[in-house]
N, C-alpha and C. Protein backbone atom coordinates (compact mmCIF):
# COMPACT_ATOMS: atom_id res chain seq x y z
N MET A 1 0.84 -1.19 0.05
CA MET A 1 0.00 -0.07 -0.06
C MET A 1 0.93 1.32 -0.03
N ARG A 2 1.81 1.29 0.55
CA ARG A 2 2.83 2.60 0.55
C ARG A 2 3.41 2.60 -0.64
N VAL A 3 3.86 1.59 -1.12
CA VAL A 3 4.46 1.87 -2.64
C VAL A 3 3.49 2.54 -3.66
N SER A 4 2.14 2.08 -3.57
CA SER A 4 1.12 2.62 -4.52
C SER A 4 0.91 4.36 -3.98
N ASN A 5 0.94 4.55 -2.89
CA ASN A 5 0.85 5.83 -2.43
C ASN A 5 1.99 6.58 -3.01
N LEU A 6 3.22 6.16 -2.78
CA LEU A 6 4.48 6.95 -3.38
C LEU A 6 4.57 6.97 -4.90
N THR A 7 3.94 5.98 -5.52
CA THR A 7 4.09 6.16 -6.95
C THR A 7 3.07 7.06 -7.27
N LEU A 8 1.65 7.21 -6.57
CA LEU A 8 0.96 8.29 -6.98
C LEU A 8 1.17 9.67 -6.64
N ASP A 9 2.16 9.70 -5.53
CA ASP A 9 2.80 10.89 -5.11
C ASP A 9 3.69 11.47 -6.14
N VAL A 10 4.43 10.47 -6.65
CA VAL A 10 5.51 10.97 -7.66
C VAL A 10 4.62 11.41 -8.95
N VAL A 11 3.92 10.72 -9.33
CA VAL A 11 3.14 11.01 -10.67
C VAL A 11 2.29 12.33 -10.39
N GLY A 12 1.95 12.56 -9.22
CA GLY A 12 1.08 13.64 -8.92
C GLY A 12 2.15 14.95 -9.25
N ASP A 13 3.31 14.85 -8.63
CA ASP A 13 4.33 15.70 -8.60
C ASP A 13 4.90 16.17 -10.07
N ALA A 14 4.99 15.01 -10.88
CA ALA A 14 5.48 15.12 -11.95
C ALA A 14 4.46 15.80 -13.05
N GLY A 15 3.23 15.47 -12.96
CA GLY A 15 2.06 16.11 -13.55
C GLY A 15 2.04 17.36 -13.43
N SER A 16 2.00 17.77 -12.00
CA SER A 16 1.82 19.06 -11.54
C SER A 16 3.16 20.11 -12.17
N LEU A 17 4.28 19.52 -12.23
CA LEU A 17 5.55 20.22 -12.93
C LEU A 17 5.51 20.32 -14.14
N LEU A 18 4.82 19.42 -15.01
CA LEU A 18 4.59 19.61 -16.42
C LEU A 18 3.55 20.37 -16.90
N PHE A 19 2.40 20.64 -15.83
CA PHE A 19 1.41 21.37 -16.10
C PHE A 19 1.96 22.87 -16.11
N ASP A 20 2.79 23.08 -15.01
CA ASP A 20 3.41 24.28 -14.57
C ASP A 20 4.24 24.94 -15.89
N LEU A 21 4.99 23.97 -16.28
CA LEU A 21 5.80 23.95 -17.43
C LEU A 21 5.06 24.46 -18.77
N PHE A 22 4.16 23.80 -19.11
CA PHE A 22 3.36 24.03 -20.30
C PHE A 22 2.55 25.38 -20.02
N VAL A 23 2.17 25.84 -19.13
CA VAL A 23 1.43 26.78 -18.96
C VAL A 23 2.44 28.25 -18.89
N ALA A 24 3.77 28.02 -18.23
CA ALA A 24 4.60 28.99 -18.69
C ALA A 24 5.11 29.16 -19.89
N VAL A 25 4.93 28.03 -20.79
CA VAL A 25 5.67 28.48 -22.00
C VAL A 25 4.50 28.81 -22.87
N ALA A 26 3.20 28.55 -22.67
CA ALA A 26 2.15 28.91 -23.42
C ALA A 26 1.88 30.41 -23.17
N PHE A 27 1.94 30.91 -21.86
CA PHE A 27 1.69 32.20 -21.66
C PHE A 27 2.93 33.07 -22.44
N THR A 28 4.10 32.57 -22.31
CA THR A 28 5.06 33.30 -22.85
C THR A 28 5.09 33.60 -24.30
N ALA A 29 4.88 32.18 -24.82
CA ALA A 29 4.54 32.58 -26.41
C ALA A 29 3.48 33.27 -26.95
N VAL A 30 2.36 33.19 -26.12
CA VAL A 30 1.10 34.09 -26.40
C VAL A 30 1.54 35.56 -26.21
N GLY A 31 2.14 35.85 -25.27
CA GLY A 31 2.64 37.21 -25.05
C GLY A 31 3.65 37.88 -25.99
N LEU A 32 4.55 36.87 -26.35
CA LEU A 32 5.68 37.25 -27.63
C LEU A 32 4.71 37.69 -28.83
N GLU A 33 3.78 36.54 -29.10
CA GLU A 33 2.73 36.76 -30.28
C GLU A 33 2.24 38.28 -30.11
N ALA A 34 1.56 38.33 -29.05
CA ALA A 34 0.74 39.73 -28.87
C ALA A 34 1.58 40.83 -28.95
N GLU A 35 2.78 40.71 -28.43
CA GLU A 35 3.66 41.92 -28.42
C GLU A 35 4.03 42.27 -29.90
N LEU A 36 4.36 41.14 -30.76
CA LEU A 36 4.84 41.36 -32.03
C LEU A 36 3.62 41.92 -32.75
N TYR A 37 2.49 41.31 -32.77
CA TYR A 37 1.39 41.91 -33.58
C TYR A 37 0.92 43.45 -33.26
N GLY A 38 1.21 43.73 -31.81
CA GLY A 38 1.07 45.09 -31.25
C GLY A 38 2.18 46.06 -32.09
N LEU A 39 3.18 45.48 -32.35
CA LEU A 39 4.28 46.30 -33.00
C LEU A 39 4.01 46.46 -34.54
N GLN A 40 3.34 45.25 -35.06
CA GLN A 40 2.96 45.62 -36.56
C GLN A 40 1.71 46.41 -36.64
N THR A 41 0.87 46.50 -35.87
CA THR A 41 -0.49 47.25 -36.22
C THR A 41 -0.25 48.64 -35.49
N PHE A 42 0.87 49.05 -35.00
CA PHE A 42 1.15 50.30 -34.58
C PHE A 42 0.80 51.37 -35.69
N ASP A 43 1.15 51.14 -36.81
CA ASP A 43 1.01 52.33 -37.85
C ASP A 43 -0.62 52.69 -38.03
N GLY A 44 -1.19 51.46 -38.12
CA GLY A 44 -2.77 51.70 -38.57
C GLY A 44 -3.62 52.03 -37.54
N ASN A 45 -3.75 51.41 -36.46
CA ASN A 45 -4.90 51.49 -35.22
C ASN A 45 -4.06 51.36 -33.96
N VAL A 46 -3.64 52.73 -33.52
CA VAL A 46 -2.83 52.83 -32.40
C VAL A 46 -3.62 52.20 -31.15
N ALA A 47 -5.04 52.40 -30.96
CA ALA A 47 -5.60 51.89 -29.95
C ALA A 47 -5.52 50.37 -29.70
N LEU A 48 -5.91 49.71 -30.79
CA LEU A 48 -5.48 48.12 -30.94
C LEU A 48 -4.20 47.79 -30.58
N ALA A 49 -3.36 48.54 -31.03
CA ALA A 49 -1.74 48.23 -30.87
C ALA A 49 -1.36 48.43 -29.40
N ALA A 50 -1.91 49.45 -28.73
CA ALA A 50 -1.70 49.69 -27.30
C ALA A 50 -2.62 48.58 -26.55
N TRP A 51 -3.61 48.30 -26.85
CA TRP A 51 -4.33 47.24 -25.95
C TRP A 51 -3.57 45.93 -26.24
N THR A 52 -3.19 45.52 -27.45
CA THR A 52 -2.57 44.25 -27.68
C THR A 52 -1.19 44.07 -26.98
N SER A 53 -0.34 45.22 -27.07
CA SER A 53 0.70 45.29 -26.29
C SER A 53 0.65 45.10 -24.97
N TYR A 54 -0.47 45.80 -24.39
CA TYR A 54 -0.68 45.70 -22.87
C TYR A 54 -1.11 44.21 -22.70
N MET A 55 -1.84 43.65 -23.34
CA MET A 55 -2.20 42.09 -23.08
C MET A 55 -1.10 41.21 -23.27
N GLY A 56 -0.25 41.61 -24.12
CA GLY A 56 0.94 41.02 -24.44
C GLY A 56 2.04 40.80 -23.03
N ALA A 57 1.85 42.00 -22.67
CA ALA A 57 2.84 42.19 -21.43
C ALA A 57 2.27 41.52 -20.27
N LEU A 58 0.94 41.59 -20.07
CA LEU A 58 0.35 40.58 -18.92
C LEU A 58 0.70 39.19 -19.10
N ALA A 59 0.38 38.84 -20.39
CA ALA A 59 0.87 37.42 -20.69
C ALA A 59 2.27 37.03 -20.41
N LEU A 60 3.24 37.78 -20.93
CA LEU A 60 4.48 37.83 -20.57
C LEU A 60 4.91 37.75 -19.05
N TYR A 61 4.28 38.70 -18.46
CA TYR A 61 4.46 38.88 -16.84
C TYR A 61 3.95 37.36 -16.28
N ALA A 62 2.66 36.85 -16.63
CA ALA A 62 2.23 35.67 -16.13
C ALA A 62 3.04 34.61 -16.49
N GLY A 63 3.54 34.32 -17.50
CA GLY A 63 4.42 33.31 -18.00
C GLY A 63 5.77 33.25 -17.61
N LEU A 64 6.46 34.39 -17.56
CA LEU A 64 7.82 34.45 -16.82
C LEU A 64 8.02 34.53 -15.50
N VAL A 65 7.21 35.49 -14.89
CA VAL A 65 7.41 35.69 -13.35
C VAL A 65 6.41 34.89 -12.54
N VAL A 66 5.38 34.89 -12.85
CA VAL A 66 4.21 34.05 -12.11
C VAL A 66 4.32 32.44 -12.20
N PHE A 67 4.48 31.82 -13.30
CA PHE A 67 4.43 30.54 -13.45
C PHE A 67 5.96 30.12 -13.66
N GLY A 68 6.78 31.05 -14.14
CA GLY A 68 8.32 30.56 -14.42
C GLY A 68 9.16 30.73 -13.28
N GLY A 69 8.82 32.07 -12.65
CA GLY A 69 9.84 32.52 -11.36
C GLY A 69 9.32 31.97 -10.16
N GLU A 70 8.11 32.01 -10.03
CA GLU A 70 7.35 31.86 -8.53
C GLU A 70 7.17 30.49 -8.30
N ARG A 71 6.69 29.67 -9.27
CA ARG A 71 6.02 28.27 -9.36
C ARG A 71 7.21 27.29 -9.81
N LEU A 72 7.64 27.42 -11.11
CA LEU A 72 8.32 26.43 -11.77
C LEU A 72 9.74 26.42 -11.21
N LEU A 73 10.33 27.44 -11.23
CA LEU A 73 11.95 27.50 -10.80
C LEU A 73 12.16 26.96 -9.36
N PRO A 74 11.35 27.13 -8.56
CA PRO A 74 11.70 26.60 -7.13
C PRO A 74 11.45 25.21 -7.04
N ARG A 75 10.46 24.84 -7.88
CA ARG A 75 10.30 23.29 -8.01
C ARG A 75 11.36 22.70 -8.63
N LEU A 76 12.16 23.18 -9.63
CA LEU A 76 13.06 22.64 -10.37
C LEU A 76 14.46 22.64 -9.39
N ARG A 77 14.47 23.59 -8.89
CA ARG A 77 15.64 23.97 -7.66
C ARG A 77 15.55 22.89 -6.56
N SER A 78 14.40 22.56 -6.30
CA SER A 78 14.28 21.48 -5.15
C SER A 78 14.56 20.14 -5.68
N LEU A 79 14.10 19.94 -7.07
CA LEU A 79 14.71 18.56 -7.59
C LEU A 79 15.90 18.40 -7.69
N SER A 80 16.73 19.47 -8.26
CA SER A 80 18.12 19.45 -8.54
C SER A 80 18.86 19.25 -7.11
N ALA A 81 18.47 19.64 -6.11
CA ALA A 81 19.07 19.57 -4.66
C ALA A 81 18.82 17.99 -4.28
N VAL A 82 18.03 17.29 -4.77
CA VAL A 82 17.88 15.97 -4.23
C VAL A 82 18.78 15.14 -4.77
């Protein structure tokens, strides 16, 4: 019974780590794409470009700082310490 609980714990931790990695990469990619789109549309529609750039900055913040720096990086450091 203990081996089963240990296996479930390891699988759960790995799944959670992979989820955080996926979300961090997804938010970062969406943020970069939004920033590039905002720069491309800056000549035509300034309001759309500003809004898109703002949304891109929020997505980059979520991907790099929240999921990458505050959640994913400490977990990876704790794994490398083991």
